[in-house]
Amino acid sequence: MNRPMKSADSRETEAAAIEKSEVASKKLFFKMSVNVVISMFLLGIFLYLV
């Protein structure tokens, strides 16, 4: 009786961990895209001034 509960628990924690990692990767991707946009913007201003 203990084993199925443990496996269910581990499955739940695994799903939660996967969800967390997906959210983290989405946040990281968002940060990276924002950084790329900002750097391109600054580069464009720099090239425009030069």
PDB file of N, CA and C in Angstrom:
ATOM      1  N   MET A   1       0.834  -1.201   0.000  1.00  0.00           N
ATOM      2  CA  MET A   1       0.000   0.000   0.000  1.00  0.00           C
ATOM      3  C   MET A   1       0.877   1.264   0.000  1.00  0.00           C
ATOM      4  N   ASN A   2       2.057   1.145   0.548  1.00  0.00           N
ATOM      5  CA  ASN A   2       2.929   2.312   0.581  1.00  0.00           C
ATOM      6  C   ASN A   2       3.520   2.621  -0.791  1.00  0.00           C
ATOM      7  N   ARG A   3       3.777   1.565  -1.565  1.00  0.00           N
ATOM      8  CA  ARG A   3       4.475   1.777  -2.832  1.00  0.00           C
ATOM      9  C   ARG A   3       3.682   2.619  -3.836  1.00  0.00           C
ATOM     10  N   PRO A   4       2.416   2.309  -4.093  1.00  0.00           N
ATOM     11  CA  PRO A   4       1.699   3.138  -5.062  1.00  0.00           C
ATOM     12  C   PRO A   4       1.621   4.604  -4.651  1.00  0.00           C
ATOM     13  N   MET A   5       1.497   4.851  -3.343  1.00  0.00           N
ATOM     14  CA  MET A   5       1.458   6.246  -2.892  1.00  0.00           C
ATOM     15  C   MET A   5       2.781   6.921  -3.218  1.00  0.00           C
ATOM     16  N   LYS A   6       3.878   6.201  -2.960  1.00  0.00           N
ATOM     17  CA  LYS A   6       5.192   6.789  -3.236  1.00  0.00           C
ATOM     18  C   LYS A   6       5.340   7.081  -4.727  1.00  0.00           C
ATOM     19  N   SER A   7       4.947   6.118  -5.563  1.00  0.00           N
ATOM     20  CA  SER A   7       5.099   6.325  -7.007  1.00  0.00           C
ATOM     21  C   SER A   7       4.227   7.496  -7.460  1.00  0.00           C
ATOM     22  N   ALA A   8       3.030   7.603  -6.911  1.00  0.00           N
ATOM     23  CA  ALA A   8       2.161   8.727  -7.272  1.00  0.00           C
ATOM     24  C   ALA A   8       2.807  10.037  -6.824  1.00  0.00           C
ATOM     25  N   ASP A   9       3.360  10.028  -5.617  1.00  0.00           N
ATOM     26  CA  ASP A   9       4.030  11.231  -5.120  1.00  0.00           C
ATOM     27  C   ASP A   9       5.180  11.613  -6.037  1.00  0.00           C
ATOM     28  N   SER A  10       6.013  10.629  -6.371  1.00  0.00           N
ATOM     29  CA  SER A  10       7.168  10.928  -7.218  1.00  0.00           C
ATOM     30  C   SER A  10       6.702  11.421  -8.582  1.00  0.00           C
ATOM     31  N   ARG A  11       5.605  10.837  -9.076  1.00  0.00           N
ATOM     32  CA  ARG A  11       5.090  11.296 -10.368  1.00  0.00           C
ATOM     33  C   ARG A  11       4.637  12.750 -10.262  1.00  0.00           C
ATOM     34  N   GLU A  12       3.956  13.079  -9.162  1.00  0.00           N
ATOM     35  CA  GLU A  12       3.488  14.459  -8.984  1.00  0.00           C
ATOM     36  C   GLU A  12       4.664  15.424  -8.893  1.00  0.00           C
ATOM     37  N   THR A  13       5.662  15.045  -8.101  1.00  0.00           N
ATOM     38  CA  THR A  13       6.810  15.937  -7.963  1.00  0.00           C
ATOM     39  C   THR A  13       7.540  16.057  -9.295  1.00  0.00           C
ATOM     40  N   GLU A  14       7.595  14.954 -10.046  1.00  0.00           N
ATOM     41  CA  GLU A  14       8.251  14.994 -11.350  1.00  0.00           C
ATOM     42  C   GLU A  14       7.513  15.965 -12.263  1.00  0.00           C
ATOM     43  N   ALA A  15       6.185  15.867 -12.284  1.00  0.00           N
ATOM     44  CA  ALA A  15       5.381  16.769 -13.117  1.00  0.00           C
ATOM     45  C   ALA A  15       5.602  18.217 -12.676  1.00  0.00           C
ATOM     46  N   ALA A  16       5.643  18.442 -11.372  1.00  0.00           N
ATOM     47  CA  ALA A  16       5.855  19.798 -10.865  1.00  0.00           C
ATOM     48  C   ALA A  16       7.236  20.300 -11.277  1.00  0.00           C
ATOM     49  N   ALA A  17       8.243  19.429 -11.199  1.00  0.00           N
ATOM     50  CA  ALA A  17       9.599  19.819 -11.580  1.00  0.00           C
ATOM     51  C   ALA A  17       9.654  20.144 -13.069  1.00  0.00           C
ATOM     52  N   ILE A  18       8.984  19.324 -13.875  1.00  0.00           N
ATOM     53  CA  ILE A  18       8.967  19.580 -15.320  1.00  0.00           C
ATOM     54  C   ILE A  18       8.279  20.918 -15.592  1.00  0.00           C
ATOM     55  N   GLU A  19       7.166  21.148 -14.892  1.00  0.00           N
ATOM     56  CA  GLU A  19       6.444  22.409 -15.074  1.00  0.00           C
ATOM     57  C   GLU A  19       7.336  23.582 -14.677  1.00  0.00           C
ATOM     58  N   LYS A  20       8.023  23.449 -13.544  1.00  0.00           N
ATOM     59  CA  LYS A  20       8.910  24.519 -13.090  1.00  0.00           C
ATOM     60  C   LYS A  20       9.999  24.782 -14.117  1.00  0.00           C
ATOM     61  N   SER A  21      10.614  23.707 -14.629  1.00  0.00           N
ATOM     62  CA  SER A  21      11.694  23.884 -15.597  1.00  0.00           C
ATOM     63  C   SER A  21      11.157  24.518 -16.875  1.00  0.00           C
ATOM     64  N   GLU A  22       9.932  24.154 -17.278  1.00  0.00           N
ATOM     65  CA  GLU A  22       9.343  24.767 -18.476  1.00  0.00           C
ATOM     66  C   GLU A  22       9.128  26.254 -18.254  1.00  0.00           C
ATOM     67  N   VAL A  23       8.609  26.598 -17.075  1.00  0.00           N
ATOM     68  CA  VAL A  23       8.383  28.015 -16.767  1.00  0.00           C
ATOM     69  C   VAL A  23       9.712  28.757 -16.738  1.00  0.00           C
ATOM     70  N   ALA A  24      10.730  28.134 -16.135  1.00  0.00           N
ATOM     71  CA  ALA A  24      12.043  28.766 -16.053  1.00  0.00           C
ATOM     72  C   ALA A  24      12.617  28.972 -17.446  1.00  0.00           C
ATOM     73  N   SER A  25      12.474  27.959 -18.313  1.00  0.00           N
ATOM     74  CA  SER A  25      13.024  28.093 -19.663  1.00  0.00           C
ATOM     75  C   SER A  25      12.273  29.176 -20.432  1.00  0.00           C
ATOM     76  N   LYS A  26      10.961  29.268 -20.203  1.00  0.00           N
ATOM     77  CA  LYS A  26      10.193  30.326 -20.868  1.00  0.00           C
ATOM     78  C   LYS A  26      10.664  31.688 -20.381  1.00  0.00           C
ATOM     79  N   LYS A  27      10.870  31.818 -19.070  1.00  0.00           N
ATOM     80  CA  LYS A  27      11.350  33.088 -18.522  1.00  0.00           C
ATOM     81  C   LYS A  27      12.723  33.421 -19.091  1.00  0.00           C
ATOM     82  N   LEU A  28      13.601  32.403 -19.152  1.00  0.00           N
ATOM     83  CA  LEU A  28      14.943  32.608 -19.676  1.00  0.00           C
ATOM     84  C   LEU A  28      14.866  33.045 -21.129  1.00  0.00           C
ATOM     85  N   PHE A  29      14.015  32.373 -21.910  1.00  0.00           N
ATOM     86  CA  PHE A  29      13.856  32.724 -23.325  1.00  0.00           C
ATOM     87  C   PHE A  29      13.352  34.158 -23.456  1.00  0.00           C
ATOM     88  N   PHE A  30      12.394  34.527 -22.606  1.00  0.00           N
ATOM     89  CA  PHE A  30      11.851  35.887 -22.643  1.00  0.00           C
ATOM     90  C   PHE A  30      12.946  36.905 -22.326  1.00  0.00           C
ATOM     91  N   LYS A  31      13.738  36.614 -21.272  1.00  0.00           N
ATOM     92  CA  LYS A  31      14.831  37.513 -20.901  1.00  0.00           C
ATOM     93  C   LYS A  31      15.820  37.649 -22.048  1.00  0.00           C
ATOM     94  N   MET A  32      16.174  36.507 -22.665  1.00  0.00           N
ATOM     95  CA  MET A  32      17.140  36.531 -23.760  1.00  0.00           C
ATOM     96  C   MET A  32      16.609  37.344 -24.930  1.00  0.00           C
ATOM     97  N   SER A  33      15.337  37.142 -25.279  1.00  0.00           N
ATOM     98  CA  SER A  33      14.766  37.875 -26.415  1.00  0.00           C
ATOM     99  C   SER A  33      14.718  39.372 -26.104  1.00  0.00           C
ATOM    100  N   VAL A  34      14.384  39.714 -24.861  1.00  0.00           N
ATOM    101  CA  VAL A  34      14.359  41.129 -24.472  1.00  0.00           C
ATOM    102  C   VAL A  34      15.763  41.709 -24.564  1.00  0.00           C
ATOM    103  N   ASN A  35      16.769  40.948 -24.091  1.00  0.00           N
ATOM    104  CA  ASN A  35      18.151  41.419 -24.170  1.00  0.00           C
ATOM    105  C   ASN A  35      18.577  41.611 -25.615  1.00  0.00           C
ATOM    106  N   VAL A  36      18.192  40.672 -26.476  1.00  0.00           N
ATOM    107  CA  VAL A  36      18.550  40.775 -27.898  1.00  0.00           C
ATOM    108  C   VAL A  36      17.913  42.022 -28.505  1.00  0.00           C
ATOM    109  N   VAL A  37      16.633  42.247 -28.190  1.00  0.00           N
ATOM    110  CA  VAL A  37      15.939  43.424 -28.735  1.00  0.00           C
ATOM    111  C   VAL A  37      16.613  44.703 -28.254  1.00  0.00           C
ATOM    112  N   ILE A  38      16.943  44.757 -26.970  1.00  0.00           N
ATOM    113  CA  ILE A  38      17.576  45.958 -26.408  1.00  0.00           C
ATOM    114  C   ILE A  38      18.944  46.177 -27.046  1.00  0.00           C
ATOM    115  N   SER A  39      19.734  45.110 -27.165  1.00  0.00           N
ATOM    116  CA  SER A  39      21.072  45.252 -27.744  1.00  0.00           C
ATOM    117  C   SER A  39      20.986  45.675 -29.210  1.00  0.00           C
ATOM    118  N   MET A  40      20.016  45.111 -29.957  1.00  0.00           N
ATOM    119  CA  MET A  40      19.857  45.500 -31.360  1.00  0.00           C
ATOM    120  C   MET A  40      19.453  46.975 -31.434  1.00  0.00           C
ATOM    121  N   PHE A  41      18.573  47.385 -30.536  1.00  0.00           N
ATOM    122  CA  PHE A  41      18.118  48.777 -30.498  1.00  0.00           C
ATOM    123  C   PHE A  41      19.298  49.714 -30.235  1.00  0.00           C
ATOM    124  N   LEU A  42      20.111  49.375 -29.217  1.00  0.00           N
ATOM    125  CA  LEU A  42      21.270  50.200 -28.891  1.00  0.00           C
ATOM    126  C   LEU A  42      22.271  50.198 -30.035  1.00  0.00           C
ATOM    127  N   LEU A  43      22.465  49.040 -30.659  1.00  0.00           N
ATOM    128  CA  LEU A  43      23.388  48.941 -31.790  1.00  0.00           C
ATOM    129  C   LEU A  43      22.893  49.809 -32.942  1.00  0.00           C
ATOM    130  N   GLY A  44      21.585  49.786 -33.183  1.00  0.00           N
ATOM    131  CA  GLY A  44      21.015  50.616 -34.245  1.00  0.00           C
ATOM    132  C   GLY A  44      21.223  52.096 -33.961  1.00  0.00           C
ATOM    133  N   ILE A  45      21.009  52.513 -32.720  1.00  0.00           N
ATOM    134  CA  ILE A  45      21.221  53.915 -32.342  1.00  0.00           C
ATOM    135  C   ILE A  45      22.694  54.273 -32.531  1.00  0.00           C
ATOM    136  N   PHE A  46      23.575  53.382 -32.082  1.00  0.00           N
ATOM    137  CA  PHE A  46      25.021  53.614 -32.193  1.00  0.00           C
ATOM    138  C   PHE A  46      25.417  53.766 -33.656  1.00  0.00           C
ATOM    139  N   LEU A  47      24.949  52.856 -34.506  1.00  0.00           N
ATOM    140  CA  LEU A  47      25.287  52.921 -35.934  1.00  0.00           C
ATOM    141  C   LEU A  47      24.673  54.167 -36.574  1.00  0.00           C
ATOM    142  N   TYR A  48      23.488  54.552 -36.112  1.00  0.00           N
ATOM    143  CA  TYR A  48      22.833  55.746 -36.652  1.00  0.00           C
ATOM    144  C   TYR A  48      23.643  56.999 -36.300  1.00  0.00           C
ATOM    145  N   LEU A  49      24.147  57.034 -35.065  1.00  0.00           N
ATOM    146  CA  LEU A  49      24.934  58.186 -34.634  1.00  0.00           C
ATOM    147  C   LEU A  49      26.280  58.215 -35.344  1.00  0.00           C
ATOM    148  N   VAL A  50      26.848  57.043 -35.609  1.00  0.00           N
ATOM    149  CA  VAL A  50      28.157  56.970 -36.291  1.00  0.00           C
ATOM    150  C   VAL A  50      27.912  57.054 -37.800  1.00  0.00           C
TER     151      VAL A  50
END
